[in-house]
């Protein structure tokens, strides 16, 4: 079905995903733009069980095409999804083109592993608790006190480590740019404090780390219930 509105042209393509396999190539898109003179195409795919919407935008100056994903909504998970390479409890939020967001929580009395990221940049905003955060970037080295309403950046290649102060967990939300690619992104470093955790998992530490993860999670729930 085609709908034209003034200066913008919208193409709404409806098809049953279970019956039709459709591939839209860059060549198709360029030909559509040439015919319609449009800078935006909205494509909707529907099936009996799901519906997805995305937008493809082009720039007439750069002659480039970009994919715009659908907007999403998500509630913070009650339980941690994973344990980060630094040892903190992670609750994953949403991911979009260019970045991802997650909540990080370090239980009281804990010190993270010192790590360095290979390719990603991060911005952290602390929600509650209190702690110390160490960063080292080439010759520059600094320890800052972090608590609610403090925001910090971790550029790519920056070594960092953090620990809690007091009897409350240190909680922050962080944006990772580009989206977090996986555990291989983190490089274990020496740090300045003795870490409470075992380190980044490999074949020789997988069992021990699994046991330690259970210890961290049980400690977390005991603190929540007390």
N, C-alpha and C. Protein backbone atom coordinates (compact mmCIF):
# COMPACT_ATOMS: atom_id res chain seq x y z
N UNK A 1 0.85 -1.19 0.00
CA UNK A 1 0.00 0.00 0.00
C UNK A 1 0.88 1.23 0.00
N UNK A 2 0.57 2.22 -0.84
CA UNK A 2 1.37 3.43 -0.96
C UNK A 2 0.55 4.63 -0.51
N UNK A 3 1.19 5.54 0.26
CA UNK A 3 0.54 6.76 0.70
C UNK A 3 1.48 7.92 0.46
N UNK A 4 1.00 8.96 -0.24
CA UNK A 4 1.81 10.13 -0.52
C UNK A 4 1.22 11.33 0.21
N UNK A 5 2.04 12.04 0.98
CA UNK A 5 1.60 13.19 1.76
C UNK A 5 2.50 14.37 1.45
N UNK A 6 2.06 15.30 0.62
CA UNK A 6 2.80 16.51 0.35
C UNK A 6 4.21 16.22 -0.13
N UNK A 7 5.19 16.78 0.60
CA UNK A 7 6.59 16.64 0.20
C UNK A 7 7.18 15.30 0.59
N UNK A 8 6.50 14.57 1.50
CA UNK A 8 7.05 13.29 1.96
C UNK A 8 6.27 12.15 1.34
N UNK A 9 6.96 11.08 1.02
CA UNK A 9 6.34 9.88 0.46
C UNK A 9 6.57 8.73 1.41
N UNK A 10 5.53 8.03 1.75
CA UNK A 10 5.66 6.90 2.66
C UNK A 10 5.25 5.63 1.92
N UNK A 11 6.02 4.63 2.09
CA UNK A 11 5.70 3.33 1.51
C UNK A 11 5.43 2.37 2.65
N UNK A 12 4.22 1.90 2.76
CA UNK A 12 3.87 0.94 3.81
C UNK A 12 3.74 -0.44 3.15
N UNK A 13 4.61 -1.31 3.50
CA UNK A 13 4.65 -2.64 2.89
C UNK A 13 4.17 -3.66 3.92
N UNK A 14 3.05 -4.30 3.65
CA UNK A 14 2.50 -5.28 4.57
C UNK A 14 2.67 -6.67 3.94
N UNK A 15 3.21 -7.56 4.72
CA UNK A 15 3.35 -8.92 4.23
C UNK A 15 3.40 -9.88 5.40
N UNK A 16 3.05 -11.12 5.13
CA UNK A 16 3.07 -12.17 6.15
C UNK A 16 4.46 -12.76 6.17
N UNK A 17 5.16 -12.57 7.32
CA UNK A 17 6.54 -13.04 7.41
C UNK A 17 6.63 -14.55 7.28
N UNK A 18 5.59 -15.23 7.72
CA UNK A 18 5.63 -16.69 7.67
C UNK A 18 5.46 -17.23 6.24
N UNK A 19 4.95 -16.39 5.31
CA UNK A 19 4.68 -16.85 3.96
C UNK A 19 5.62 -16.26 2.92
N UNK A 20 6.11 -15.03 3.19
CA UNK A 20 6.91 -14.35 2.18
C UNK A 20 8.25 -13.96 2.77
N UNK A 21 9.31 -14.26 2.07
CA UNK A 21 10.66 -13.83 2.48
C UNK A 21 11.07 -12.68 1.56
N UNK A 22 11.22 -11.48 2.12
CA UNK A 22 11.50 -10.30 1.33
C UNK A 22 12.85 -9.72 1.69
N UNK A 23 13.67 -9.40 0.70
CA UNK A 23 14.97 -8.77 0.91
C UNK A 23 14.97 -7.44 0.18
N UNK A 24 15.20 -6.34 0.91
CA UNK A 24 15.27 -5.01 0.31
C UNK A 24 16.73 -4.62 0.26
N UNK A 25 17.26 -4.44 -0.93
CA UNK A 25 18.66 -4.10 -1.09
C UNK A 25 18.83 -2.60 -1.25
N UNK A 26 20.08 -2.13 -1.17
CA UNK A 26 20.36 -0.71 -1.39
C UNK A 26 19.93 -0.27 -2.79
N UNK A 27 20.02 -1.18 -3.75
CA UNK A 27 19.61 -0.85 -5.12
C UNK A 27 18.12 -0.58 -5.19
N UNK A 28 17.32 -1.41 -4.45
CA UNK A 28 15.88 -1.18 -4.40
C UNK A 28 15.58 0.18 -3.81
N UNK A 29 16.26 0.50 -2.71
CA UNK A 29 15.99 1.76 -2.01
C UNK A 29 16.31 2.96 -2.89
N UNK A 30 17.47 2.92 -3.57
CA UNK A 30 17.85 4.04 -4.41
C UNK A 30 16.86 4.24 -5.54
N UNK A 31 16.35 3.13 -6.10
CA UNK A 31 15.38 3.24 -7.19
C UNK A 31 14.05 3.81 -6.69
N UNK A 32 13.67 3.44 -5.47
CA UNK A 32 12.44 3.98 -4.89
C UNK A 32 12.56 5.48 -4.69
N UNK A 33 13.72 5.89 -4.16
CA UNK A 33 13.93 7.32 -3.95
C UNK A 33 13.94 8.09 -5.27
N UNK A 34 14.51 7.47 -6.29
CA UNK A 34 14.58 8.12 -7.60
C UNK A 34 13.18 8.33 -8.17
N UNK A 35 12.31 7.33 -7.97
CA UNK A 35 10.96 7.42 -8.49
C UNK A 35 10.10 8.42 -7.71
N UNK A 36 10.26 8.43 -6.40
CA UNK A 36 9.37 9.23 -5.55
C UNK A 36 9.98 10.55 -5.12
N UNK A 37 11.29 10.69 -5.22
CA UNK A 37 11.94 11.91 -4.76
C UNK A 37 11.79 12.12 -3.28
N UNK A 38 11.74 11.02 -2.50
CA UNK A 38 11.51 11.10 -1.07
C UNK A 38 12.81 10.91 -0.31
N UNK A 39 12.88 11.52 0.87
CA UNK A 39 14.04 11.34 1.72
C UNK A 39 13.78 10.36 2.85
N UNK A 40 12.52 9.91 3.01
CA UNK A 40 12.18 9.00 4.10
C UNK A 40 11.25 7.90 3.62
N UNK A 41 11.54 6.68 4.00
CA UNK A 41 10.65 5.57 3.72
C UNK A 41 10.36 4.87 5.04
N UNK A 42 9.07 4.63 5.32
CA UNK A 42 8.67 3.89 6.50
C UNK A 42 8.16 2.53 6.05
N UNK A 43 8.75 1.49 6.60
CA UNK A 43 8.39 0.12 6.20
C UNK A 43 7.84 -0.61 7.41
N UNK A 44 6.62 -1.16 7.28
CA UNK A 44 6.00 -1.91 8.36
C UNK A 44 5.84 -3.35 7.93
N UNK A 45 6.30 -4.27 8.77
CA UNK A 45 6.09 -5.69 8.51
C UNK A 45 5.18 -6.24 9.59
N UNK A 46 4.20 -7.01 9.20
CA UNK A 46 3.26 -7.55 10.16
C UNK A 46 3.10 -9.05 9.96
N UNK A 47 2.91 -9.74 11.07
CA UNK A 47 2.58 -11.16 11.05
C UNK A 47 1.51 -11.38 12.10
N UNK A 48 0.88 -12.53 12.15
CA UNK A 48 -0.16 -12.76 13.16
C UNK A 48 0.32 -12.57 14.58
N UNK A 49 1.61 -12.77 14.84
CA UNK A 49 2.10 -12.71 16.22
C UNK A 49 2.94 -11.49 16.53
N UNK A 50 3.40 -10.74 15.50
CA UNK A 50 4.28 -9.63 15.78
C UNK A 50 4.18 -8.58 14.70
N UNK A 51 4.57 -7.35 15.06
CA UNK A 51 4.59 -6.25 14.10
C UNK A 51 5.83 -5.42 14.37
N UNK A 52 6.58 -5.09 13.33
CA UNK A 52 7.79 -4.31 13.50
C UNK A 52 7.77 -3.13 12.54
N UNK A 53 8.29 -2.02 13.00
CA UNK A 53 8.33 -0.80 12.20
C UNK A 53 9.73 -0.24 12.23
N UNK A 54 10.25 0.11 11.08
CA UNK A 54 11.52 0.81 11.06
C UNK A 54 11.51 1.83 9.94
N UNK A 55 12.42 2.79 10.02
CA UNK A 55 12.49 3.88 9.05
C UNK A 55 13.86 3.91 8.43
N UNK A 56 13.91 4.11 7.13
CA UNK A 56 15.17 4.27 6.43
C UNK A 56 15.25 5.70 5.95
N UNK A 57 16.29 6.43 6.35
CA UNK A 57 16.45 7.81 5.97
C UNK A 57 17.70 7.97 5.11
N UNK A 58 17.64 8.91 4.16
CA UNK A 58 18.80 9.19 3.34
C UNK A 58 19.11 10.66 3.36
N UNK A 59 20.35 10.99 3.10
CA UNK A 59 20.79 12.37 2.98
C UNK A 59 21.09 12.66 1.52
N UNK A 60 20.44 13.68 0.96
CA UNK A 60 20.67 14.01 -0.44
C UNK A 60 22.06 14.59 -0.65
N UNK A 61 22.68 15.10 0.45
CA UNK A 61 24.01 15.70 0.35
C UNK A 61 25.09 14.62 0.34
N UNK A 62 24.98 13.66 1.27
CA UNK A 62 26.01 12.63 1.40
C UNK A 62 25.68 11.37 0.61
N UNK A 63 24.41 11.29 0.12
CA UNK A 63 23.97 10.12 -0.62
C UNK A 63 24.17 8.85 0.20
N UNK A 64 23.76 8.93 1.49
CA UNK A 64 23.94 7.82 2.40
C UNK A 64 22.59 7.37 2.93
N UNK A 65 22.50 6.10 3.31
CA UNK A 65 21.29 5.52 3.87
C UNK A 65 21.58 5.04 5.28
N UNK A 66 20.68 5.37 6.22
CA UNK A 66 20.85 4.93 7.60
C UNK A 66 19.60 4.22 8.08
N UNK A 67 19.78 3.26 8.98
CA UNK A 67 18.67 2.48 9.53
C UNK A 67 18.24 3.08 10.86
N UNK A 68 16.96 3.38 11.00
CA UNK A 68 16.41 3.92 12.25
C UNK A 68 15.55 2.85 12.89
N UNK A 69 15.95 2.32 14.06
CA UNK A 69 15.20 1.22 14.69
C UNK A 69 13.92 1.74 15.34
N UNK A 70 13.00 0.85 15.67
CA UNK A 70 11.78 1.27 16.38
C UNK A 70 12.10 1.68 17.81
N UNK A 71 11.28 2.58 18.37
CA UNK A 71 11.48 2.95 19.77
C UNK A 71 11.02 1.81 20.67
N UNK A 72 11.62 1.73 21.87
CA UNK A 72 11.34 0.63 22.80
C UNK A 72 11.16 1.17 24.22
N UNK A 73 10.55 0.35 25.06
CA UNK A 73 10.37 0.66 26.48
C UNK A 73 10.68 -0.58 27.30
N UNK A 74 11.36 -0.41 28.41
CA UNK A 74 11.71 -1.56 29.25
C UNK A 74 11.81 -1.13 30.70
N UNK A 75 11.31 -1.96 31.59
CA UNK A 75 11.45 -1.74 33.03
C UNK A 75 12.76 -2.36 33.52
N UNK A 76 13.39 -1.73 34.52
CA UNK A 76 14.62 -2.28 35.08
C UNK A 76 14.38 -3.68 35.62
N UNK A 77 15.18 -4.68 35.20
CA UNK A 77 15.00 -6.05 35.70
C UNK A 77 15.18 -6.11 37.21
N UNK A 78 14.39 -6.97 37.85
CA UNK A 78 14.49 -7.14 39.30
C UNK A 78 15.80 -7.81 39.68
N UNK A 79 16.21 -8.82 38.92
CA UNK A 79 17.43 -9.56 39.22
C UNK A 79 18.52 -9.22 38.20
N UNK A 80 19.78 -9.34 38.61
CA UNK A 80 20.88 -9.08 37.67
C UNK A 80 20.85 -10.04 36.48
N UNK A 81 21.20 -9.53 35.32
CA UNK A 81 21.27 -10.36 34.12
C UNK A 81 22.60 -11.09 34.02
N UNK A 82 23.68 -10.40 34.30
CA UNK A 82 25.02 -10.97 34.19
C UNK A 82 25.92 -10.31 35.23
N UNK A 83 27.12 -10.84 35.32
CA UNK A 83 28.17 -10.19 36.12
C UNK A 83 29.21 -9.65 35.15
N UNK A 84 29.50 -8.37 35.27
CA UNK A 84 30.44 -7.72 34.36
C UNK A 84 31.86 -8.25 34.56
N UNK A 85 32.73 -8.07 33.58
CA UNK A 85 34.13 -8.46 33.76
C UNK A 85 34.79 -7.79 34.97
N UNK A 86 34.30 -6.60 35.35
CA UNK A 86 34.87 -5.94 36.54
C UNK A 86 34.31 -6.50 37.83
N UNK A 87 33.28 -7.37 37.75
CA UNK A 87 32.71 -8.00 38.93
C UNK A 87 31.40 -7.42 39.40
N UNK A 88 30.94 -6.32 38.83
CA UNK A 88 29.69 -5.70 39.27
C UNK A 88 28.48 -6.45 38.70
N UNK A 89 27.34 -6.31 39.38
CA UNK A 89 26.09 -6.93 38.94
C UNK A 89 25.45 -6.03 37.88
N UNK A 90 25.07 -6.63 36.76
CA UNK A 90 24.57 -5.84 35.63
C UNK A 90 23.11 -6.17 35.36
N UNK A 91 22.30 -5.12 35.23
CA UNK A 91 20.92 -5.25 34.76
C UNK A 91 20.84 -4.52 33.42
N UNK A 92 20.67 -5.28 32.37
CA UNK A 92 20.65 -4.69 31.04
C UNK A 92 19.37 -3.91 30.79
N UNK A 93 19.52 -2.74 30.20
CA UNK A 93 18.36 -1.94 29.81
C UNK A 93 18.21 -2.05 28.29
N UNK A 94 18.23 -0.95 27.58
CA UNK A 94 17.97 -1.01 26.14
C UNK A 94 19.22 -0.70 25.32
N UNK A 95 19.17 -1.14 24.08
CA UNK A 95 20.25 -0.91 23.13
C UNK A 95 19.67 -0.28 21.87
N UNK A 96 20.37 0.69 21.32
CA UNK A 96 19.98 1.28 20.05
C UNK A 96 21.24 1.51 19.22
N UNK A 97 21.07 2.03 18.02
CA UNK A 97 22.23 2.30 17.19
C UNK A 97 23.08 3.36 17.87
N UNK A 98 24.34 3.05 18.09
CA UNK A 98 25.24 4.01 18.69
C UNK A 98 25.52 3.79 20.15
N UNK A 99 24.67 3.05 20.87
CA UNK A 99 24.92 2.88 22.30
C UNK A 99 23.97 1.93 22.99
N UNK A 100 24.35 1.52 24.20
CA UNK A 100 23.52 0.68 25.05
C UNK A 100 23.55 1.23 26.47
N UNK A 101 22.53 0.86 27.27
CA UNK A 101 22.46 1.34 28.65
C UNK A 101 22.24 0.16 29.59
N UNK A 102 22.85 0.25 30.78
CA UNK A 102 22.69 -0.79 31.79
C UNK A 102 22.88 -0.18 33.17
N UNK A 103 22.36 -0.89 34.17
CA UNK A 103 22.61 -0.50 35.57
C UNK A 103 23.70 -1.41 36.13
N UNK A 104 24.62 -0.81 36.87
CA UNK A 104 25.72 -1.54 37.51
C UNK A 104 25.62 -1.39 39.02
N UNK A 105 25.82 -2.49 39.72
CA UNK A 105 25.73 -2.46 41.18
C UNK A 105 26.88 -3.25 41.78
N UNK A 106 27.59 -2.61 42.69
CA UNK A 106 28.69 -3.26 43.40
C UNK A 106 28.28 -3.39 44.86
N UNK A 107 28.20 -4.62 45.40
CA UNK A 107 27.75 -4.82 46.78
C UNK A 107 28.69 -4.16 47.79
N UNK A 108 28.19 -3.89 49.00
CA UNK A 108 29.02 -3.25 50.04
C UNK A 108 30.27 -4.08 50.36
N UNK A 109 31.36 -3.39 50.63
CA UNK A 109 32.60 -4.06 51.00
C UNK A 109 33.37 -4.67 49.85
N UNK A 110 32.89 -4.47 48.61
CA UNK A 110 33.51 -5.09 47.45
C UNK A 110 34.39 -4.10 46.68
N UNK A 111 35.41 -4.65 46.04
CA UNK A 111 36.28 -3.89 45.15
C UNK A 111 36.28 -4.57 43.80
N UNK A 112 36.07 -3.81 42.75
CA UNK A 112 35.97 -4.39 41.41
C UNK A 112 37.34 -4.84 40.89
N UNK A 113 37.31 -5.62 39.83
CA UNK A 113 38.53 -5.86 39.06
C UNK A 113 38.89 -4.59 38.31
N UNK A 114 40.16 -4.35 38.10
CA UNK A 114 40.61 -3.24 37.26
C UNK A 114 40.58 -3.71 35.81
N UNK A 115 39.93 -2.92 34.93
CA UNK A 115 39.82 -3.30 33.53
C UNK A 115 40.07 -2.10 32.63
N UNK A 116 40.21 -2.39 31.36
CA UNK A 116 40.35 -1.36 30.33
C UNK A 116 39.53 -1.82 29.13
N UNK A 117 38.81 -0.91 28.51
CA UNK A 117 38.00 -1.26 27.35
C UNK A 117 38.78 -1.08 26.05
N UNK A 118 38.58 -2.01 25.13
CA UNK A 118 39.31 -1.97 23.86
C UNK A 118 38.74 -0.95 22.89
N UNK A 119 37.40 -0.86 22.80
CA UNK A 119 36.79 -0.07 21.73
C UNK A 119 35.67 0.87 22.16
N UNK A 120 35.13 0.71 23.37
CA UNK A 120 33.93 1.47 23.75
C UNK A 120 34.26 2.62 24.69
N UNK A 121 33.40 3.64 24.62
CA UNK A 121 33.41 4.77 25.54
C UNK A 121 32.21 4.60 26.48
N UNK A 122 32.34 5.09 27.72
CA UNK A 122 31.22 4.99 28.65
C UNK A 122 31.02 6.29 29.43
N UNK A 123 29.75 6.54 29.78
CA UNK A 123 29.38 7.61 30.70
C UNK A 123 28.59 6.98 31.83
N UNK A 124 29.05 7.17 33.06
CA UNK A 124 28.39 6.62 34.24
C UNK A 124 27.72 7.73 35.04
N UNK A 125 26.50 7.45 35.52
CA UNK A 125 25.79 8.37 36.41
C UNK A 125 25.39 7.59 37.66
N UNK A 126 25.88 8.01 38.82
CA UNK A 126 25.65 7.26 40.05
C UNK A 126 24.31 7.63 40.69
N UNK A 127 23.60 6.59 41.11
CA UNK A 127 22.26 6.76 41.67
C UNK A 127 22.23 6.72 43.18
N UNK A 128 23.05 5.85 43.78
CA UNK A 128 23.04 5.70 45.24
C UNK A 128 24.31 5.02 45.70
N UNK A 129 24.49 5.01 47.02
CA UNK A 129 25.69 4.45 47.61
C UNK A 129 26.85 5.43 47.54
N UNK A 130 27.99 4.96 48.01
CA UNK A 130 29.20 5.79 47.99
C UNK A 130 30.40 4.90 47.71
N UNK A 131 31.36 5.44 47.01
CA UNK A 131 32.55 4.67 46.71
C UNK A 131 33.67 5.53 46.19
N UNK A 132 34.73 4.85 45.77
CA UNK A 132 35.88 5.52 45.16
C UNK A 132 36.09 4.94 43.77
N UNK A 133 36.46 5.79 42.83
CA UNK A 133 36.61 5.38 41.44
C UNK A 133 37.98 5.82 40.94
N UNK A 134 38.79 4.84 40.51
CA UNK A 134 40.14 5.12 40.02
C UNK A 134 40.15 5.02 38.50
N UNK A 135 40.77 6.03 37.86
CA UNK A 135 40.95 6.02 36.41
C UNK A 135 42.39 6.40 36.07
N UNK A 136 42.93 5.74 35.05
CA UNK A 136 44.27 6.06 34.57
C UNK A 136 44.24 6.13 33.05
N UNK A 137 44.66 7.27 32.54
CA UNK A 137 44.67 7.52 31.10
C UNK A 137 46.05 8.04 30.72
N UNK A 138 46.88 7.14 30.19
CA UNK A 138 48.27 7.47 29.89
C UNK A 138 48.97 7.95 31.17
N UNK A 139 49.45 9.20 31.18
CA UNK A 139 50.17 9.70 32.36
C UNK A 139 49.24 10.29 33.41
N UNK A 140 47.98 10.49 33.06
CA UNK A 140 47.02 11.07 34.00
C UNK A 140 46.38 9.98 34.84
N UNK A 141 46.35 10.16 36.16
CA UNK A 141 45.79 9.17 37.09
C UNK A 141 45.04 9.91 38.18
N UNK A 142 43.85 9.39 38.54
CA UNK A 142 43.00 10.12 39.50
C UNK A 142 42.08 9.16 40.23
N UNK A 143 41.84 9.46 41.50
CA UNK A 143 40.83 8.76 42.31
C UNK A 143 39.79 9.81 42.73
N UNK A 144 38.52 9.54 42.43
CA UNK A 144 37.46 10.46 42.82
C UNK A 144 36.46 9.72 43.72
N UNK A 145 35.84 10.46 44.63
CA UNK A 145 34.75 9.93 45.44
C UNK A 145 33.46 10.04 44.64
N UNK A 146 32.72 8.95 44.57
CA UNK A 146 31.47 8.94 43.80
C UNK A 146 30.31 8.60 44.72
N UNK A 147 29.20 9.28 44.49
CA UNK A 147 27.94 9.01 45.19
C UNK A 147 26.82 9.52 44.31
N UNK A 148 25.61 9.61 44.85
CA UNK A 148 24.44 10.01 44.05
C UNK A 148 24.67 11.34 43.36
N UNK A 149 24.32 11.40 42.09
CA UNK A 149 24.35 12.60 41.24
C UNK A 149 25.74 12.92 40.68
N UNK A 150 26.71 12.04 40.88
CA UNK A 150 28.03 12.23 40.26
C UNK A 150 28.03 11.53 38.90
N UNK A 151 28.58 12.20 37.90
CA UNK A 151 28.68 11.65 36.55
C UNK A 151 30.14 11.64 36.12
N UNK A 152 30.59 10.53 35.54
CA UNK A 152 31.98 10.42 35.09
C UNK A 152 32.02 9.84 33.68
N UNK A 153 33.13 10.04 33.00
CA UNK A 153 33.35 9.43 31.69
C UNK A 153 34.52 8.45 31.77
N UNK A 154 34.44 7.43 30.92
CA UNK A 154 35.52 6.45 30.80
C UNK A 154 35.85 6.32 29.31
N UNK A 155 36.76 7.14 28.80
CA UNK A 155 37.12 7.04 27.38
C UNK A 155 37.78 5.69 27.08
N UNK A 156 37.74 5.30 25.82
CA UNK A 156 38.36 4.05 25.39
C UNK A 156 39.84 4.07 25.77
N UNK A 157 40.35 2.92 26.24
CA UNK A 157 41.75 2.84 26.63
C UNK A 157 42.05 3.32 28.02
N UNK A 158 41.02 3.71 28.78
CA UNK A 158 41.22 4.17 30.16
C UNK A 158 41.14 2.99 31.13
N UNK A 159 42.14 2.82 31.96
CA UNK A 159 42.09 1.80 33.00
C UNK A 159 41.24 2.33 34.15
N UNK A 160 40.39 1.46 34.73
CA UNK A 160 39.57 1.93 35.85
C UNK A 160 39.26 0.79 36.82
N UNK A 161 38.99 1.20 38.05
CA UNK A 161 38.65 0.29 39.13
C UNK A 161 37.83 1.07 40.15
N UNK A 162 36.92 0.41 40.85
CA UNK A 162 36.10 1.12 41.83
C UNK A 162 35.78 0.22 43.01
N UNK A 163 35.42 0.84 44.13
CA UNK A 163 35.09 0.09 45.34
C UNK A 163 34.03 0.85 46.12
N UNK A 164 33.31 0.11 46.96
CA UNK A 164 32.26 0.72 47.78
C UNK A 164 32.84 1.23 49.09
N UNK A 165 32.14 2.23 49.64
CA UNK A 165 32.44 2.76 50.97
C UNK A 165 31.13 2.72 51.76
N UNK A 166 31.16 2.18 52.96
CA UNK A 166 29.95 2.12 53.77
C UNK A 166 29.19 0.82 53.60
N UNK A 167 27.93 0.84 54.02
CA UNK A 167 27.12 -0.39 54.10
C UNK A 167 26.05 -0.46 53.03
N UNK A 168 26.12 0.38 52.02
CA UNK A 168 25.15 0.35 50.94
C UNK A 168 25.85 0.02 49.62
N UNK A 169 25.15 -0.66 48.72
CA UNK A 169 25.75 -0.95 47.41
C UNK A 169 25.94 0.34 46.61
N UNK A 170 26.93 0.35 45.77
CA UNK A 170 27.18 1.47 44.87
C UNK A 170 26.46 1.17 43.56
N UNK A 171 25.54 2.07 43.19
CA UNK A 171 24.68 1.82 42.03
C UNK A 171 24.82 2.95 41.03
N UNK A 172 24.97 2.59 39.76
CA UNK A 172 25.08 3.59 38.69
C UNK A 172 24.41 3.07 37.43
N UNK A 173 23.97 3.99 36.59
CA UNK A 173 23.56 3.62 35.23
C UNK A 173 24.64 4.11 34.29
N UNK A 174 24.86 3.38 33.20
CA UNK A 174 25.93 3.73 32.28
C UNK A 174 25.48 3.58 30.84
N UNK A 175 25.96 4.48 30.01
CA UNK A 175 25.76 4.39 28.57
C UNK A 175 27.08 3.95 27.94
N UNK A 176 27.01 2.93 27.12
CA UNK A 176 28.19 2.39 26.44
C UNK A 176 28.07 2.68 24.94
N UNK A 177 29.12 3.27 24.38
CA UNK A 177 29.11 3.69 22.98
C UNK A 177 30.37 3.20 22.26
N UNK A 178 30.22 2.40 21.20
CA UNK A 178 28.99 1.78 20.69
C UNK A 178 28.47 0.72 21.66
N UNK A 179 27.38 0.03 21.34
CA UNK A 179 26.84 -0.97 22.27
C UNK A 179 27.88 -1.99 22.70
N UNK A 180 27.74 -2.47 23.93
CA UNK A 180 28.69 -3.43 24.51
C UNK A 180 28.81 -4.65 23.61
N UNK A 181 30.03 -4.98 23.14
CA UNK A 181 30.19 -6.09 22.20
C UNK A 181 30.35 -7.46 22.83
N UNK A 182 30.67 -7.53 24.14
CA UNK A 182 30.87 -8.82 24.80
C UNK A 182 32.04 -8.77 25.75
N UNK A 183 32.23 -9.85 26.51
CA UNK A 183 33.24 -9.88 27.56
C UNK A 183 34.66 -9.71 27.03
N UNK A 184 34.91 -10.06 25.79
CA UNK A 184 36.25 -9.89 25.23
C UNK A 184 36.64 -8.43 25.08
N UNK A 185 35.66 -7.54 25.26
CA UNK A 185 35.93 -6.10 25.18
C UNK A 185 36.82 -5.63 26.33
N UNK A 186 36.72 -6.28 27.47
CA UNK A 186 37.44 -5.84 28.67
C UNK A 186 38.79 -6.53 28.79
N UNK A 187 39.81 -5.74 29.09
CA UNK A 187 41.16 -6.24 29.33
C UNK A 187 41.45 -6.12 30.83
N UNK A 188 41.83 -7.20 31.47
CA UNK A 188 42.13 -7.17 32.89
C UNK A 188 43.44 -6.41 33.13
N UNK A 189 43.42 -5.48 34.10
CA UNK A 189 44.60 -4.67 34.43
C UNK A 189 44.97 -4.86 35.90
N UNK A 190 46.12 -4.28 36.29
CA UNK A 190 46.64 -4.45 37.64
C UNK A 190 45.79 -3.73 38.68
N UNK A 191 45.45 -2.47 38.43
CA UNK A 191 44.67 -1.71 39.40
C UNK A 191 45.51 -1.25 40.58
N UNK A 192 44.86 -0.54 41.50
CA UNK A 192 45.57 -0.04 42.68
C UNK A 192 45.08 -0.65 43.98
N UNK A 193 43.95 -1.37 43.94
CA UNK A 193 43.42 -2.05 45.12
C UNK A 193 43.34 -3.54 44.85
N UNK A 194 43.33 -4.33 45.92
CA UNK A 194 43.14 -5.76 45.80
C UNK A 194 41.67 -6.04 45.47
N UNK A 195 41.44 -6.67 44.34
CA UNK A 195 40.07 -6.92 43.89
C UNK A 195 39.41 -8.02 44.72
N UNK A 196 38.09 -7.89 44.89
CA UNK A 196 37.31 -8.89 45.61
C UNK A 196 36.93 -10.05 44.71
N UNK A 197 37.16 -9.91 43.41
CA UNK A 197 36.69 -10.89 42.45
C UNK A 197 37.85 -11.64 41.83
N UNK A 198 37.50 -12.67 41.06
CA UNK A 198 38.50 -13.58 40.53
C UNK A 198 39.10 -13.06 39.23
N UNK A 199 38.30 -12.36 38.46
CA UNK A 199 38.82 -11.86 37.19
C UNK A 199 37.98 -12.32 36.02
N UNK A 200 38.42 -11.99 34.84
CA UNK A 200 37.67 -12.33 33.64
C UNK A 200 37.74 -13.83 33.41
N UNK A 201 36.59 -14.41 33.13
CA UNK A 201 36.48 -15.86 33.04
C UNK A 201 37.22 -16.44 31.83
N UNK A 202 37.91 -17.54 32.06
CA UNK A 202 38.46 -18.33 30.97
C UNK A 202 38.23 -19.80 31.29
N UNK A 203 38.73 -20.69 30.46
CA UNK A 203 38.44 -22.10 30.64
C UNK A 203 38.94 -22.65 31.96
N UNK A 204 40.01 -22.08 32.50
CA UNK A 204 40.61 -22.61 33.72
C UNK A 204 39.93 -22.07 34.98
N UNK A 205 39.15 -20.99 34.84
CA UNK A 205 38.52 -20.39 36.02
C UNK A 205 36.99 -20.43 35.96
N UNK A 206 36.44 -21.11 34.94
CA UNK A 206 34.99 -21.07 34.74
C UNK A 206 34.22 -21.61 35.93
N UNK A 207 34.61 -22.77 36.47
CA UNK A 207 33.90 -23.37 37.60
C UNK A 207 34.02 -22.50 38.83
N UNK A 208 35.23 -22.05 39.13
CA UNK A 208 35.44 -21.21 40.31
C UNK A 208 34.65 -19.92 40.21
N UNK A 209 34.64 -19.33 39.04
CA UNK A 209 33.89 -18.09 38.86
C UNK A 209 32.40 -18.31 39.02
N UNK A 210 31.89 -19.45 38.54
CA UNK A 210 30.47 -19.75 38.69
C UNK A 210 30.09 -19.84 40.16
N UNK A 211 30.92 -20.50 40.96
CA UNK A 211 30.67 -20.58 42.40
C UNK A 211 30.71 -19.21 43.03
N UNK A 212 31.67 -18.41 42.61
CA UNK A 212 31.80 -17.06 43.18
C UNK A 212 30.62 -16.18 42.78
N UNK A 213 30.11 -16.36 41.58
CA UNK A 213 28.92 -15.60 41.16
C UNK A 213 27.74 -15.88 42.09
N UNK A 214 27.56 -17.16 42.42
CA UNK A 214 26.47 -17.51 43.33
C UNK A 214 26.68 -16.86 44.70
N UNK A 215 27.91 -16.79 45.15
CA UNK A 215 28.21 -16.15 46.42
C UNK A 215 27.83 -14.67 46.37
N UNK A 216 28.15 -13.99 45.26
CA UNK A 216 27.83 -12.57 45.12
C UNK A 216 26.32 -12.35 45.11
N UNK A 217 25.60 -13.19 44.36
CA UNK A 217 24.15 -13.04 44.26
C UNK A 217 23.48 -13.29 45.60
N UNK A 218 23.92 -14.34 46.32
CA UNK A 218 23.35 -14.62 47.64
C UNK A 218 23.63 -13.46 48.60
N UNK A 219 24.85 -12.92 48.54
CA UNK A 219 25.20 -11.76 49.38
C UNK A 219 24.31 -10.58 49.06
N UNK A 220 24.03 -10.37 47.78
CA UNK A 220 23.18 -9.28 47.34
C UNK A 220 21.78 -9.40 47.93
N UNK A 221 21.19 -10.59 47.87
CA UNK A 221 19.82 -10.76 48.38
C UNK A 221 19.77 -10.69 49.91
N UNK A 222 20.81 -11.15 50.57
CA UNK A 222 20.85 -11.02 52.03
C UNK A 222 20.84 -9.56 52.43
N UNK A 223 21.62 -8.75 51.70
CA UNK A 223 21.67 -7.30 51.99
C UNK A 223 20.32 -6.66 51.73
N UNK A 224 19.65 -7.07 50.64
CA UNK A 224 18.34 -6.51 50.30
C UNK A 224 17.30 -6.83 51.36
N UNK A 225 17.39 -8.03 51.94
CA UNK A 225 16.39 -8.45 52.92
C UNK A 225 16.67 -7.93 54.31
N UNK A 226 17.91 -7.50 54.58
CA UNK A 226 18.26 -7.02 55.92
C UNK A 226 17.83 -5.58 56.13
